N, C-alpha and C. Protein backbone atom coordinates (compact mmCIF):
# COMPACT_ATOMS: atom_id res chain seq x y z
N MET A 1 -0.19 0.91 -164.97
CA MET A 1 -0.50 1.51 -163.99
C MET A 1 -1.96 1.70 -163.86
N TYR A 2 -2.79 1.31 -164.95
CA TYR A 2 -4.35 1.52 -165.28
C TYR A 2 -4.55 0.15 -164.91
N GLY A 3 -6.17 -0.32 -164.60
CA GLY A 3 -6.36 -1.60 -164.62
C GLY A 3 -6.89 -1.69 -162.98
N SER A 4 -7.84 -2.82 -162.64
CA SER A 4 -8.29 -2.60 -161.33
C SER A 4 -7.51 -3.48 -160.52
N VAL A 5 -7.41 -2.51 -158.90
CA VAL A 5 -6.54 -3.10 -158.26
C VAL A 5 -7.18 -2.84 -157.01
N LEU A 6 -8.28 -2.90 -156.92
CA LEU A 6 -9.13 -2.58 -155.60
C LEU A 6 -8.66 -2.97 -154.50
N GLY A 7 -8.42 -2.64 -153.74
CA GLY A 7 -8.13 -3.06 -152.29
C GLY A 7 -6.60 -3.70 -152.14
N MET A 8 -5.80 -3.36 -153.10
CA MET A 8 -4.36 -4.17 -152.97
C MET A 8 -3.25 -3.65 -151.39
N LYS A 9 -3.18 -4.38 -151.03
CA LYS A 9 -2.33 -4.10 -149.49
C LYS A 9 -1.08 -3.13 -150.09
N ILE A 10 -0.60 -2.64 -149.23
CA ILE A 10 0.54 -1.96 -149.24
C ILE A 10 1.66 -2.61 -148.89
N THR A 11 2.55 -2.98 -149.83
CA THR A 11 3.80 -4.01 -149.36
C THR A 11 4.64 -3.30 -150.49
N ILE A 12 6.39 -3.42 -149.97
CA ILE A 12 7.44 -3.21 -150.93
C ILE A 12 7.33 -3.43 -152.48
N LYS A 13 7.07 -4.83 -152.56
CA LYS A 13 6.73 -5.63 -153.59
C LYS A 13 5.62 -4.78 -154.64
N ASN A 14 4.62 -4.99 -153.79
CA ASN A 14 3.29 -4.15 -154.41
C ASN A 14 3.72 -2.68 -154.73
N LEU A 15 4.35 -2.22 -154.33
CA LEU A 15 4.58 -0.89 -154.78
C LEU A 15 5.59 -0.17 -155.75
N MET A 16 6.61 -1.65 -155.84
CA MET A 16 7.42 -1.65 -156.80
C MET A 16 6.86 -1.48 -158.16
N GLU A 17 5.98 -2.80 -157.85
CA GLU A 17 5.45 -3.39 -159.36
C GLU A 17 4.24 -2.06 -159.76
N LYS A 18 3.28 -2.01 -159.38
CA LYS A 18 2.17 -1.15 -159.64
C LYS A 18 2.68 0.22 -159.74
N PHE A 19 3.81 0.84 -159.17
CA PHE A 19 4.12 2.30 -159.67
C PHE A 19 5.50 2.25 -160.45
N GLY A 20 6.04 1.16 -160.26
CA GLY A 20 7.59 1.12 -161.07
C GLY A 20 8.73 1.92 -160.33
N ILE A 21 8.70 2.06 -159.23
CA ILE A 21 9.77 3.00 -158.47
C ILE A 21 10.92 2.07 -157.76
N SER A 22 11.68 2.59 -157.27
CA SER A 22 12.54 1.96 -156.78
C SER A 22 12.71 1.54 -155.52
N ARG A 23 13.46 0.03 -155.17
CA ARG A 23 13.43 -0.56 -153.63
C ARG A 23 13.33 0.52 -152.92
N ASP A 24 13.97 1.75 -153.04
CA ASP A 24 14.37 2.40 -151.76
C ASP A 24 13.05 3.26 -151.62
N SER A 25 12.60 3.79 -152.92
CA SER A 25 11.15 4.88 -152.61
C SER A 25 10.04 3.63 -152.47
N ALA A 26 10.02 2.59 -152.53
CA ALA A 26 9.03 1.88 -152.05
C ALA A 26 9.19 1.39 -150.21
N LYS A 27 10.43 1.30 -149.86
CA LYS A 27 10.76 1.47 -148.81
C LYS A 27 10.38 2.20 -147.75
N ASN A 28 10.89 3.17 -148.24
CA ASN A 28 10.41 4.62 -147.44
C ASN A 28 8.83 4.99 -147.43
N ILE A 29 8.11 4.55 -148.48
CA ILE A 29 6.40 4.51 -148.63
C ILE A 29 5.89 3.32 -147.35
N TYR A 30 6.72 2.00 -147.22
CA TYR A 30 6.12 1.00 -147.07
C TYR A 30 6.56 1.67 -145.17
N LEU A 31 7.45 1.98 -144.80
CA LEU A 31 7.79 2.35 -143.55
C LEU A 31 7.01 3.18 -142.84
N THR A 32 6.73 4.54 -143.85
CA THR A 32 6.18 5.96 -143.42
C THR A 32 4.79 4.79 -143.11
N TYR A 33 3.82 4.04 -144.18
CA TYR A 33 2.65 3.09 -143.67
C TYR A 33 3.00 2.51 -142.33
N LYS A 34 3.97 1.69 -142.40
CA LYS A 34 4.11 0.85 -141.09
C LYS A 34 4.18 1.73 -139.64
N ARG A 35 4.32 3.28 -139.58
CA ARG A 35 4.28 4.02 -138.62
C ARG A 35 2.72 4.24 -138.60
N TYR A 36 2.02 4.70 -139.37
CA TYR A 36 0.75 5.12 -139.45
C TYR A 36 -0.07 3.73 -138.81
N LYS A 37 0.37 2.64 -139.25
CA LYS A 37 -0.38 1.53 -138.34
C LYS A 37 -0.05 1.40 -137.04
N ASP A 38 1.20 1.68 -136.61
CA ASP A 38 1.39 1.65 -135.20
C ASP A 38 1.06 3.10 -134.76
N GLY A 39 0.53 3.94 -135.44
CA GLY A 39 -0.33 4.90 -134.75
C GLY A 39 0.66 6.12 -134.19
N GLU A 40 1.58 6.21 -134.77
CA GLU A 40 2.71 7.24 -134.76
C GLU A 40 2.51 8.63 -135.82
N ILE A 41 1.81 8.25 -137.04
CA ILE A 41 1.53 9.47 -137.66
C ILE A 41 -0.21 9.61 -138.43
N SER A 42 0.10 10.54 -139.06
CA SER A 42 -1.36 10.53 -139.80
C SER A 42 -1.56 9.83 -140.78
N PRO A 43 -2.71 9.39 -141.58
CA PRO A 43 -2.92 8.87 -142.89
C PRO A 43 -2.09 10.10 -143.87
N ARG A 44 -2.58 11.36 -143.54
CA ARG A 44 -2.03 12.20 -144.27
C ARG A 44 -0.83 12.36 -144.85
N LYS A 45 0.18 11.98 -143.56
CA LYS A 45 1.39 12.06 -143.64
C LYS A 45 2.07 10.71 -144.60
N VAL A 46 1.48 9.83 -144.73
CA VAL A 46 1.65 8.61 -145.45
C VAL A 46 1.46 9.22 -147.07
N LEU A 47 0.21 9.78 -147.30
CA LEU A 47 -0.30 10.61 -148.38
C LEU A 47 0.54 11.32 -149.25
N ARG A 48 1.31 11.94 -148.22
CA ARG A 48 2.14 13.07 -148.56
C ARG A 48 3.39 12.69 -148.89
N ILE A 49 4.02 11.58 -148.36
CA ILE A 49 5.56 11.04 -148.67
C ILE A 49 5.17 10.17 -150.04
N PHE A 50 3.84 9.46 -150.32
CA PHE A 50 3.84 8.79 -151.18
C PHE A 50 3.63 9.60 -152.67
N ASP A 51 3.21 10.97 -152.10
CA ASP A 51 2.59 11.87 -153.39
C ASP A 51 4.12 12.19 -153.70
N THR A 52 5.20 12.92 -152.74
CA THR A 52 6.56 13.29 -152.89
C THR A 52 7.41 12.01 -153.97
N GLU A 53 7.20 10.95 -153.54
CA GLU A 53 8.19 9.71 -153.91
C GLU A 53 7.64 9.52 -155.49
N ILE A 54 6.47 9.27 -156.07
CA ILE A 54 6.08 9.11 -157.22
C ILE A 54 5.62 10.51 -158.29
N GLU A 55 5.96 11.41 -157.66
CA GLU A 55 5.44 12.74 -157.96
C GLU A 55 4.26 13.14 -158.33
N GLY A 56 3.43 12.83 -157.97
CA GLY A 56 1.78 12.91 -158.01
C GLY A 56 1.52 13.89 -157.94
N TYR A 57 0.06 14.43 -158.34
CA TYR A 57 -0.45 16.01 -158.36
C TYR A 57 -1.25 16.33 -156.95
N GLY A 58 -0.51 15.90 -155.84
CA GLY A 58 -0.97 16.32 -154.60
C GLY A 58 -2.28 15.51 -154.14
N VAL A 59 -2.23 15.63 -152.54
CA VAL A 59 -3.75 15.04 -152.14
C VAL A 59 -5.12 15.15 -152.35
N GLU A 60 -6.18 14.50 -152.77
CA GLU A 60 -7.32 15.28 -152.89
C GLU A 60 -8.26 14.38 -152.21
N CYS A 61 -9.40 14.90 -151.99
CA CYS A 61 -10.66 14.22 -150.85
C CYS A 61 -11.90 13.80 -152.03
N ILE A 62 -12.27 13.10 -151.77
CA ILE A 62 -13.74 12.29 -152.59
C ILE A 62 -14.93 12.53 -151.60
N ARG A 63 -15.97 13.77 -151.86
CA ARG A 63 -17.04 13.85 -151.08
C ARG A 63 -18.35 13.51 -151.75
N SER A 64 -19.01 13.14 -151.10
CA SER A 64 -20.19 12.34 -151.49
C SER A 64 -21.55 13.37 -151.46
N PRO A 65 -22.08 14.00 -151.95
CA PRO A 65 -23.39 14.72 -151.40
C PRO A 65 -24.50 13.89 -151.25
N TYR A 66 -24.28 12.64 -152.04
CA TYR A 66 -25.73 11.88 -152.02
C TYR A 66 -25.32 10.92 -151.15
N TYR A 67 -24.09 10.41 -150.47
CA TYR A 67 -24.23 10.03 -148.98
C TYR A 67 -24.86 10.52 -148.04
N GLU A 68 -24.18 11.93 -148.08
CA GLU A 68 -24.59 12.79 -146.81
C GLU A 68 -26.37 12.97 -146.71
N GLU A 69 -26.88 12.83 -147.71
CA GLU A 69 -28.23 13.12 -148.20
C GLU A 69 -28.93 11.94 -147.31
N LYS A 70 -28.47 10.79 -147.93
CA LYS A 70 -28.89 9.66 -147.27
C LYS A 70 -28.88 9.17 -146.25
N TYR A 71 -27.46 9.17 -145.52
CA TYR A 71 -26.91 8.84 -144.51
C TYR A 71 -26.57 9.53 -143.26
N GLY A 72 -26.45 11.09 -143.50
CA GLY A 72 -25.91 11.88 -142.75
C GLY A 72 -24.27 11.60 -142.94
N ASP A 73 -23.29 13.24 -142.35
CA ASP A 73 -22.14 12.84 -142.56
C ASP A 73 -21.23 11.61 -142.56
N CYS A 74 -20.60 11.54 -143.65
CA CYS A 74 -19.64 10.54 -143.74
C CYS A 74 -18.78 10.11 -142.64
N CYS A 75 -17.88 11.25 -142.49
CA CYS A 75 -16.85 11.17 -141.47
C CYS A 75 -16.56 12.35 -140.40
N GLY A 76 -17.50 13.00 -140.27
CA GLY A 76 -17.44 14.19 -139.59
C GLY A 76 -17.68 15.23 -140.30
N ASP A 77 -17.35 15.11 -141.77
CA ASP A 77 -17.70 15.91 -142.94
C ASP A 77 -18.05 15.05 -144.09
N ASP A 78 -17.99 15.98 -145.09
CA ASP A 78 -18.32 15.20 -146.00
C ASP A 78 -17.39 14.34 -147.33
N CYS A 79 -16.03 14.34 -146.29
CA CYS A 79 -14.41 13.76 -146.93
C CYS A 79 -14.85 12.54 -146.46
N CYS A 80 -15.22 11.22 -147.60
CA CYS A 80 -15.31 10.12 -147.00
C CYS A 80 -13.79 9.21 -147.33
N ALA A 81 -12.81 9.60 -148.20
CA ALA A 81 -11.67 9.34 -148.47
C ALA A 81 -10.99 10.76 -149.21
N GLU A 82 -9.36 10.00 -148.87
CA GLU A 82 -8.35 10.75 -149.66
C GLU A 82 -7.52 10.14 -150.52
N TYR A 83 -6.98 10.73 -151.33
CA TYR A 83 -5.99 9.66 -152.40
C TYR A 83 -5.08 10.90 -152.92
N VAL A 84 -3.89 9.68 -153.41
CA VAL A 84 -3.19 10.96 -154.27
C VAL A 84 -3.41 10.66 -155.71
N SER A 85 -3.42 12.17 -156.15
CA SER A 85 -3.96 12.52 -157.53
C SER A 85 -2.88 12.20 -158.39
N MET A 86 -3.19 11.11 -159.33
CA MET A 86 -2.28 10.99 -160.67
C MET A 86 -2.62 11.05 -162.36
N GLY A 87 -3.53 12.17 -161.74
CA GLY A 87 -3.87 12.94 -162.98
C GLY A 87 -5.00 12.00 -163.78
N ASP A 88 -5.52 10.82 -163.25
CA ASP A 88 -6.74 10.26 -164.39
C ASP A 88 -7.19 9.39 -162.90
N THR A 89 -9.10 9.15 -163.08
CA THR A 89 -9.72 8.63 -162.67
C THR A 89 -9.42 7.32 -162.24
N TYR A 90 -8.90 6.74 -163.07
CA TYR A 90 -8.65 5.23 -163.05
C TYR A 90 -7.03 4.58 -163.13
N LYS A 91 -5.96 5.58 -162.98
CA LYS A 91 -4.98 5.44 -162.67
C LYS A 91 -4.17 5.13 -161.30
N THR A 92 -3.49 3.67 -160.87
CA THR A 92 -3.09 3.45 -159.78
C THR A 92 -2.74 4.00 -158.77
N THR A 93 -2.95 4.36 -157.82
CA THR A 93 -2.70 5.54 -156.52
C THR A 93 -2.85 4.78 -155.05
N ILE A 94 -2.55 5.28 -154.11
CA ILE A 94 -3.09 5.15 -152.85
C ILE A 94 -3.97 5.98 -152.30
N LEU A 95 -4.97 5.26 -151.40
CA LEU A 95 -6.39 5.93 -150.93
C LEU A 95 -6.27 5.73 -149.70
N TYR A 96 -6.75 6.94 -148.88
CA TYR A 96 -6.74 6.29 -147.40
C TYR A 96 -8.74 6.19 -147.24
N ASP A 97 -9.54 5.26 -146.91
CA ASP A 97 -10.55 5.42 -146.35
C ASP A 97 -11.05 5.63 -144.98
N ARG A 98 -11.66 6.78 -145.00
CA ARG A 98 -11.84 7.45 -143.57
C ARG A 98 -12.90 6.54 -142.84
N ARG A 99 -13.68 5.88 -143.32
CA ARG A 99 -14.56 4.88 -142.39
C ARG A 99 -14.27 3.52 -142.36
N THR A 100 -13.12 3.20 -143.34
CA THR A 100 -12.59 1.80 -141.99
C THR A 100 -11.29 2.32 -142.09
N GLY A 101 -10.47 3.21 -142.17
CA GLY A 101 -9.15 3.67 -141.72
C GLY A 101 -7.88 2.49 -142.06
N SER A 102 -8.19 2.16 -143.35
CA SER A 102 -7.54 1.36 -143.94
C SER A 102 -6.95 2.21 -145.36
N ILE A 103 -5.70 2.06 -145.66
CA ILE A 103 -4.77 2.90 -146.64
C ILE A 103 -4.48 1.25 -147.56
N GLN A 104 -4.59 1.85 -148.79
CA GLN A 104 -4.83 0.40 -149.77
C GLN A 104 -4.12 1.09 -151.41
N ILE A 105 -3.93 0.06 -151.84
CA ILE A 105 -3.48 0.59 -153.46
C ILE A 105 -4.67 0.56 -154.19
N THR A 106 -5.27 1.44 -155.07
CA THR A 106 -6.39 1.09 -155.84
C THR A 106 -6.59 1.88 -156.79
N THR A 107 -7.26 2.59 -157.32
CA THR A 107 -7.72 3.65 -158.58
C THR A 107 -9.08 4.28 -157.34
N TRP A 108 -8.80 5.69 -157.66
CA TRP A 108 -9.90 6.36 -156.60
C TRP A 108 -11.50 6.09 -157.75
N GLY A 109 -11.21 5.86 -158.63
CA GLY A 109 -12.53 5.49 -159.54
C GLY A 109 -12.98 4.28 -159.15
N ASP A 110 -11.92 3.34 -159.35
CA ASP A 110 -12.45 1.87 -158.59
C ASP A 110 -12.79 1.68 -157.46
N TRP A 111 -12.67 2.73 -156.68
CA TRP A 111 -12.93 2.57 -155.03
C TRP A 111 -14.20 3.28 -154.67
N TYR A 112 -14.54 4.31 -155.50
CA TYR A 112 -15.77 5.19 -155.53
C TYR A 112 -16.97 4.11 -156.33
N GLU A 113 -16.63 3.57 -156.85
CA GLU A 113 -17.86 2.58 -157.48
C GLU A 113 -17.96 1.68 -156.63
N ARG A 114 -17.40 1.29 -156.05
CA ARG A 114 -17.75 -0.33 -155.04
C ARG A 114 -18.17 0.75 -154.19
N TRP A 115 -17.67 1.65 -153.74
CA TRP A 115 -18.65 2.38 -151.98
C TRP A 115 -19.76 2.86 -152.63
N TYR A 116 -19.86 3.42 -153.85
CA TYR A 116 -21.35 3.74 -154.46
C TYR A 116 -22.24 2.64 -154.26
N TYR A 117 -21.77 1.57 -154.66
CA TYR A 117 -22.84 0.39 -154.81
C TYR A 117 -22.93 -0.17 -153.62
N ASP A 118 -22.07 -0.08 -152.64
CA ASP A 118 -22.27 -0.83 -151.40
C ASP A 118 -23.31 0.41 -150.39
N HIS A 119 -23.28 1.30 -150.88
CA HIS A 119 -24.48 2.19 -149.89
C HIS A 119 -25.49 2.30 -150.74
N ASP A 120 -25.89 1.57 -151.91
CA ASP A 120 -26.96 1.72 -152.16
C ASP A 120 -27.35 3.11 -153.06
N LEU A 121 -26.36 3.84 -153.22
CA LEU A 121 -26.37 5.26 -153.94
C LEU A 121 -26.81 5.45 -155.28
N ARG A 122 -27.34 4.41 -156.02
CA ARG A 122 -27.76 4.10 -157.46
C ARG A 122 -28.81 5.05 -157.27
N LEU A 123 -28.88 5.94 -158.67
CA LEU A 123 -30.25 6.47 -158.81
C LEU A 123 -30.99 5.74 -159.54
C-alpha cells in the first residue's frame, strides 16, 4: 500500500489491488464513485463510503497557506483537496482534488508534492 501511485484511476481492479479489499467492497466504492461522476452525489460521500469500506481514519483536508499567500483562495477556502486518512502521508488512499474535480487513487504526500511543485511554491 506504499509507493507512488499519483493520479491512478478509480476502477474495481485498481481498488482491489491497491487496497486488498474484496470485489464487493471495490464494487460498492466504484458504484458510489460513478454516482459522483454522474452528478448524483457529492465527492465527500465517495470519500466517506471509501473510509467505511477500508476502515480508514476519517476524511481530512489539505490546506496551504503558501498557496493562499501567492494566489489567493484555492477553492473558496484554504482547503485544496480532501482525502481519506490512512495514518501515513505516503500510504495509498483516495483523494478529491477540489481544483480539478477529480477523485483519484494516490497518496496525499505524493499529491501535495506535485501540487506544490506545479504552483511554484518552493521556498
